[in-house]
Each structure stands twice: as C-alpha cells, then as structure tokens.
Amino acid sequence: MGKGDRKTKKGKITKGSHGVIRPKKKKVKKALAKEKKSDK
C-alpha cells in the first residue's frame, strides 16, 4: 500500500484520480453547505 495503490488516498493523489476515499472538492463543499442549512 502506497503511491502505486489506487485504492489508497496517496495512490489516488499520485494517479490524479478521485473516488470515495478522495472525492472532488466542489461536490463536497456543496453537500456540506446543504447539510449545515438543513440543521439550523
């Protein structure tokens, strides 16, 4: 497990891919914003 392993966070950063472990930032921010608004 390391830079060559696509299932780990380090491996995804090295490959430049995204997934469950390393989601794209744009989608994460929108999801968090919606959750915060619904809690209030």
PDB file of N, CA and C in Angstrom:
ATOM      1  N   MET A   1       0.843  -1.182   0.000  1.00  0.00           N
ATOM      2  CA  MET A   1       0.000   0.000   0.000  1.00  0.00           C
ATOM      3  C   MET A   1       0.885   1.241   0.000  1.00  0.00           C
ATOM      4  N   GLY A   2       0.701   2.060  -1.005  1.00  0.00           N
ATOM      5  CA  GLY A   2       1.499   3.280  -1.108  1.00  0.00           C
ATOM      6  C   GLY A   2       1.108   4.072  -2.338  1.00  0.00           C
ATOM      7  N   LYS A   3       2.095   4.651  -2.967  1.00  0.00           N
ATOM      8  CA  LYS A   3       1.834   5.530  -4.112  1.00  0.00           C
ATOM      9  C   LYS A   3       1.269   4.791  -5.322  1.00  0.00           C
ATOM     10  N   GLY A   4       1.599   3.513  -5.470  1.00  0.00           N
ATOM     11  CA  GLY A   4       1.130   2.730  -6.612  1.00  0.00           C
ATOM     12  C   GLY A   4      -0.243   2.115  -6.421  1.00  0.00           C
ATOM     13  N   ASP A   5      -0.764   2.149  -5.205  1.00  0.00           N
ATOM     14  CA  ASP A   5      -2.052   1.525  -4.892  1.00  0.00           C
ATOM     15  C   ASP A   5      -3.192   2.517  -5.139  1.00  0.00           C
ATOM     16  N   ARG A   6      -4.025   2.233  -6.114  1.00  0.00           N
ATOM     17  CA  ARG A   6      -5.117   3.153  -6.496  1.00  0.00           C
ATOM     18  C   ARG A   6      -6.231   3.259  -5.457  1.00  0.00           C
ATOM     19  N   LYS A   7      -6.308   2.312  -4.548  1.00  0.00           N
ATOM     20  CA  LYS A   7      -7.391   2.325  -3.550  1.00  0.00           C
ATOM     21  C   LYS A   7      -7.086   3.204  -2.338  1.00  0.00           C
ATOM     22  N   THR A   8      -5.822   3.625  -2.195  1.00  0.00           N
ATOM     23  CA  THR A   8      -5.458   4.466  -1.061  1.00  0.00           C
ATOM     24  C   THR A   8      -5.450   5.932  -1.470  1.00  0.00           C
ATOM     25  N   LYS A   9      -5.497   6.816  -0.486  1.00  0.00           N
ATOM     26  CA  LYS A   9      -5.513   8.253  -0.746  1.00  0.00           C
ATOM     27  C   LYS A   9      -4.228   8.697  -1.448  1.00  0.00           C
ATOM     28  N   LYS A  10      -3.083   8.192  -0.971  1.00  0.00           N
ATOM     29  CA  LYS A  10      -1.794   8.540  -1.591  1.00  0.00           C
ATOM     30  C   LYS A  10      -1.744   8.098  -3.049  1.00  0.00           C
ATOM     31  N   GLY A  11      -2.222   6.896  -3.312  1.00  0.00           N
ATOM     32  CA  GLY A  11      -2.237   6.363  -4.675  1.00  0.00           C
ATOM     33  C   GLY A  11      -3.114   7.200  -5.592  1.00  0.00           C
ATOM     34  N   LYS A  12      -4.252   7.645  -5.087  1.00  0.00           N
ATOM     35  CA  LYS A  12      -5.167   8.468  -5.889  1.00  0.00           C
ATOM     36  C   LYS A  12      -4.557   9.839  -6.172  1.00  0.00           C
ATOM     37  N   ILE A  13      -3.844  10.407  -5.198  1.00  0.00           N
ATOM     38  CA  ILE A  13      -3.177  11.691  -5.413  1.00  0.00           C
ATOM     39  C   ILE A  13      -2.105  11.541  -6.497  1.00  0.00           C
ATOM     40  N   THR A  14      -1.337  10.461  -6.427  1.00  0.00           N
ATOM     41  CA  THR A  14      -0.279  10.206  -7.407  1.00  0.00           C
ATOM     42  C   THR A  14      -0.864  10.014  -8.803  1.00  0.00           C
ATOM     43  N   LYS A  15      -1.928   9.234  -8.915  1.00  0.00           N
ATOM     44  CA  LYS A  15      -2.575   8.962 -10.204  1.00  0.00           C
ATOM     45  C   LYS A  15      -3.390  10.151 -10.701  1.00  0.00           C
ATOM     46  N   GLY A  16      -3.850  10.982  -9.774  1.00  0.00           N
ATOM     47  CA  GLY A  16      -4.700  12.115 -10.133  1.00  0.00           C
ATOM     48  C   GLY A  16      -6.144  11.723 -10.326  1.00  0.00           C
ATOM     49  N   SER A  17      -6.563  10.655  -9.670  1.00  0.00           N
ATOM     50  CA  SER A  17      -7.947  10.194  -9.787  1.00  0.00           C
ATOM     51  C   SER A  17      -8.731  10.525  -8.526  1.00  0.00           C
ATOM     52  N   HIS A  18     -10.050  10.379  -8.628  1.00  0.00           N
ATOM     53  CA  HIS A  18     -10.939  10.663  -7.495  1.00  0.00           C
ATOM     54  C   HIS A  18     -11.863   9.479  -7.273  1.00  0.00           C
ATOM     55  N   GLY A  19     -12.450   9.410  -6.077  1.00  0.00           N
ATOM     56  CA  GLY A  19     -13.370   8.323  -5.745  1.00  0.00           C
ATOM     57  C   GLY A  19     -13.951   8.532  -4.361  1.00  0.00           C
ATOM     58  N   VAL A  20     -14.335   7.435  -3.712  1.00  0.00           N
ATOM     59  CA  VAL A  20     -14.944   7.509  -2.378  1.00  0.00           C
ATOM     60  C   VAL A  20     -13.938   8.038  -1.357  1.00  0.00           C
ATOM     61  N   ILE A  21     -12.696   7.540  -1.434  1.00  0.00           N
ATOM     62  CA  ILE A  21     -11.657   7.947  -0.478  1.00  0.00           C
ATOM     63  C   ILE A  21     -11.190   9.374  -0.755  1.00  0.00           C
ATOM     64  N   ARG A  22     -11.121   9.767  -2.035  1.00  0.00           N
ATOM     65  CA  ARG A  22     -10.654  11.108  -2.398  1.00  0.00           C
ATOM     66  C   ARG A  22     -11.670  11.766  -3.332  1.00  0.00           C
ATOM     67  N   PRO A  23     -12.764  12.292  -2.773  1.00  0.00           N
ATOM     68  CA  PRO A  23     -13.778  12.936  -3.607  1.00  0.00           C
ATOM     69  C   PRO A  23     -13.310  14.287  -4.143  1.00  0.00           C
ATOM     70  N   LYS A  24     -13.948  14.747  -5.219  1.00  0.00           N
ATOM     71  CA  LYS A  24     -13.632  16.073  -5.760  1.00  0.00           C
ATOM     72  C   LYS A  24     -14.148  17.141  -4.807  1.00  0.00           C
ATOM     73  N   LYS A  25     -13.394  18.210  -4.635  1.00  0.00           N
ATOM     74  CA  LYS A  25     -13.714  19.232  -3.629  1.00  0.00           C
ATOM     75  C   LYS A  25     -15.024  19.963  -3.906  1.00  0.00           C
ATOM     76  N   LYS A  26     -15.334  20.264  -5.155  1.00  0.00           N
ATOM     77  CA  LYS A  26     -16.543  21.026  -5.483  1.00  0.00           C
ATOM     78  C   LYS A  26     -17.802  20.361  -4.956  1.00  0.00           C
ATOM     79  N   LYS A  27     -17.931  19.065  -5.174  1.00  0.00           N
ATOM     80  CA  LYS A  27     -19.117  18.338  -4.729  1.00  0.00           C
ATOM     81  C   LYS A  27     -19.192  18.261  -3.212  1.00  0.00           C
ATOM     82  N   VAL A  28     -18.068  18.128  -2.559  1.00  0.00           N
ATOM     83  CA  VAL A  28     -18.032  18.018  -1.092  1.00  0.00           C
ATOM     84  C   VAL A  28     -18.514  19.318  -0.452  1.00  0.00           C
ATOM     85  N   LYS A  29     -18.044  20.461  -0.951  1.00  0.00           N
ATOM     86  CA  LYS A  29     -18.432  21.753  -0.388  1.00  0.00           C
ATOM     87  C   LYS A  29     -19.938  21.982  -0.504  1.00  0.00           C
ATOM     88  N   LYS A  30     -20.517  21.663  -1.656  1.00  0.00           N
ATOM     89  CA  LYS A  30     -21.955  21.848  -1.856  1.00  0.00           C
ATOM     90  C   LYS A  30     -22.758  20.954  -0.926  1.00  0.00           C
ATOM     91  N   ALA A  31     -22.326  19.727  -0.756  1.00  0.00           N
ATOM     92  CA  ALA A  31     -23.031  18.780   0.115  1.00  0.00           C
ATOM     93  C   ALA A  31     -22.969  19.238   1.568  1.00  0.00           C
ATOM     94  N   LEU A  32     -21.816  19.720   1.999  1.00  0.00           N
ATOM     95  CA  LEU A  32     -21.673  20.185   3.377  1.00  0.00           C
ATOM     96  C   LEU A  32     -22.503  21.439   3.630  1.00  0.00           C
ATOM     97  N   ALA A  33     -22.568  22.330   2.643  1.00  0.00           N
ATOM     98  CA  ALA A  33     -23.342  23.561   2.785  1.00  0.00           C
ATOM     99  C   ALA A  33     -24.832  23.245   2.948  1.00  0.00           C
ATOM    100  N   LYS A  34     -25.319  22.284   2.186  1.00  0.00           N
ATOM    101  CA  LYS A  34     -26.730  21.893   2.278  1.00  0.00           C
ATOM    102  C   LYS A  34     -27.046  21.276   3.635  1.00  0.00           C
ATOM    103  N   GLU A  35     -26.124  20.463   4.158  1.00  0.00           N
ATOM    104  CA  GLU A  35     -26.337  19.830   5.456  1.00  0.00           C
ATOM    105  C   GLU A  35     -26.373  20.863   6.576  1.00  0.00           C
ATOM    106  N   LYS A  36     -25.513  21.851   6.515  1.00  0.00           N
ATOM    107  CA  LYS A  36     -25.470  22.888   7.551  1.00  0.00           C
ATOM    108  C   LYS A  36     -26.752  23.716   7.558  1.00  0.00           C
ATOM    109  N   LYS A  37     -27.269  24.041   6.367  1.00  0.00           N
ATOM    110  CA  LYS A  37     -28.500  24.841   6.263  1.00  0.00           C
ATOM    111  C   LYS A  37     -29.705  24.073   6.803  1.00  0.00           C
ATOM    112  N   SER A  38     -29.760  22.768   6.521  1.00  0.00           N
ATOM    113  CA  SER A  38     -30.897  21.967   6.961  1.00  0.00           C
ATOM    114  C   SER A  38     -30.883  21.720   8.470  1.00  0.00           C
ATOM    115  N   ASP A  39     -29.710  21.776   9.102  1.00  0.00           N
ATOM    116  CA  ASP A  39     -29.607  21.577  10.551  1.00  0.00           C
ATOM    117  C   ASP A  39     -30.156  22.764  11.337  1.00  0.00           C
ATOM    118  N   LYS A  40     -30.060  23.948  10.813  1.00  0.00           N
ATOM    119  CA  LYS A  40     -30.477  25.170  11.539  1.00  0.00           C
ATOM    120  C   LYS A  40     -31.955  25.343  11.632  1.00  0.00           C
TER     121      LYS A  40
END
